[in-house]
Structures are given as structure tokens and as C-alpha cells.
Amino acid sequence: MVPLWLAWKKSASQKAYRGTATNLFAQEGRPIAYRVGVMIEVPRAAACANEIAHEVDFMSFGTNDLTQLTFGFSRDDATSTWTPTWSWEF
């Protein structure tokens, strides 16, 4: 799995990963079944996940990083400052 994938155009690199893996396994004489995936951790990648999905075998969404980058705060910041007040409003 490749971390911090940004956009679908980067998927050309996936072909290089696959080629390298295939060649390495052929050299070793030990074919191994594998899948190539990406970690969706930034809002831009989440916004174009439908395009990325056509190029990879699987995607994993890093919700903690997505939350931090979308809203601009960390989990520690949120729990110590505004979350206690905000949660009582509902």
C-alpha cells in the first residue's frame, strides 16, 4: 500500500510498482500473488477517489488524517478545546 496518494494521475507510478514487483518475483523464481493499493489521507485524494479506484486494487481511507486536514485541527486539539462545549449543543 502506498501512503499519501494525492491524485489519479499519480497512478502511472502504480504500473511501475507492479512492473518492479513482477520482475523481482520472476528473478527469484517465486511468484507471489499481491495487490497494489493506496492510502487516501488527504481531501484531494478523497475528492477524486472514483478516478483512483480504476487504477488500483484497493484503497484504504485514513479518516484521522482526513479529519485533521479537512478541518485543520488534531484529535488532541479538538478534545481539549471546543468538543466538550460543542457536544452539549445537541
Protein backbone atom coordinates (compact mmCIF):
# COMPACT_ATOMS: atom_id res chain seq x y z
CA MET A 1 0.00 0.00 0.00
CA VAL A 2 1.32 3.39 -0.98
CA PRO A 3 0.69 6.15 1.60
CA LEU A 4 -0.38 9.76 0.98
CA TRP A 5 -1.79 9.34 -2.51
CA LEU A 6 -2.73 12.74 -3.94
CA ALA A 7 -4.39 12.43 -7.34
CA TRP A 8 -5.32 9.94 -10.02
CA LYS A 9 -2.52 10.99 -12.39
CA LYS A 10 -0.01 9.58 -9.94
CA SER A 11 -1.46 6.15 -10.73
CA ALA A 12 1.05 5.78 -13.56
CA SER A 13 3.51 5.06 -10.76
CA GLN A 14 1.34 2.09 -9.81
CA LYS A 15 2.26 0.47 -13.12
CA ALA A 16 5.92 0.93 -12.23
CA TYR A 17 5.35 -0.69 -8.83
CA ARG A 18 3.64 -3.63 -10.47
CA GLY A 19 6.42 -4.00 -13.05
CA THR A 20 9.12 -3.90 -10.38
CA ALA A 21 7.33 -6.48 -8.24
CA THR A 22 6.70 -8.79 -11.19
CA ASN A 23 10.34 -8.60 -12.30
CA LEU A 24 11.65 -9.18 -8.78
CA PHE A 25 9.43 -12.22 -8.25
CA ALA A 26 10.47 -13.60 -11.67
CA GLN A 27 14.16 -13.17 -10.82
CA GLU A 28 13.68 -15.01 -7.56
CA GLY A 29 11.62 -17.71 -9.21
CA ARG A 30 8.94 -17.32 -6.56
CA PRO A 31 5.76 -15.79 -7.90
CA ILE A 32 3.70 -14.24 -5.14
CA ALA A 33 0.15 -13.00 -5.54
CA TYR A 34 -0.04 -9.36 -4.49
CA ARG A 35 -2.28 -6.34 -4.75
CA VAL A 36 -1.33 -2.71 -5.10
CA GLY A 37 -3.32 -0.19 -3.10
CA VAL A 38 -3.21 3.36 -1.87
CA MET A 39 -3.92 5.14 1.38
CA ILE A 40 -6.36 8.02 0.94
CA GLU A 41 -5.32 10.52 3.61
CA VAL A 42 -5.77 13.96 2.04
CA PRO A 43 -9.00 15.67 0.96
CA ARG A 44 -7.85 16.00 -2.66
CA ALA A 45 -7.41 12.24 -2.95
CA ALA A 46 -10.81 11.64 -1.34
CA ALA A 47 -12.42 14.02 -3.83
CA CYS A 48 -11.08 12.06 -6.80
CA ALA A 49 -11.26 8.58 -5.23
CA ASN A 50 -13.60 7.44 -8.01
CA GLU A 51 -10.84 8.07 -10.56
CA ILE A 52 -8.13 6.50 -8.40
CA ALA A 53 -10.28 3.39 -7.88
CA HIS A 54 -9.97 2.44 -11.56
CA GLU A 55 -6.18 2.25 -11.29
CA VAL A 56 -5.59 0.35 -8.04
CA ASP A 57 -6.65 -2.93 -6.49
CA PHE A 58 -7.81 -1.39 -3.22
CA MET A 59 -7.96 1.83 -1.25
CA SER A 60 -7.81 2.47 2.46
CA PHE A 61 -9.16 5.71 3.89
CA GLY A 62 -7.18 7.30 6.71
CA THR A 63 -10.05 9.01 8.47
CA ASN A 64 -7.91 10.52 11.21
CA ASP A 65 -5.66 12.29 8.71
CA LEU A 66 -8.63 13.25 6.53
CA THR A 67 -10.37 14.83 9.51
CA GLN A 68 -7.28 16.74 10.59
CA LEU A 69 -6.53 18.06 7.11
CA THR A 70 -10.16 18.91 6.30
CA PHE A 71 -10.95 20.78 9.50
CA GLY A 72 -7.46 21.95 10.38
CA PHE A 73 -7.21 20.52 13.89
CA SER A 74 -5.88 17.39 15.51
CA ARG A 75 -7.78 14.96 17.68
CA ASP A 76 -5.90 16.26 20.74
CA ASP A 77 -6.82 19.87 19.95
CA ALA A 78 -10.46 19.02 19.46
CA THR A 79 -10.94 17.06 22.66
CA SER A 80 -9.24 19.64 24.84
CA THR A 81 -10.80 22.82 23.45
CA TRP A 82 -14.11 23.04 21.64
CA THR A 83 -15.53 19.49 21.54
CA PRO A 84 -16.79 19.42 25.17
CA THR A 85 -18.72 22.65 24.61
CA TRP A 86 -19.89 21.75 21.13
CA SER A 87 -21.19 18.30 22.10
CA TRP A 88 -23.60 19.81 24.66
CA GLU A 89 -25.34 21.84 21.95
CA PHE A 90 -27.03 18.74 20.53
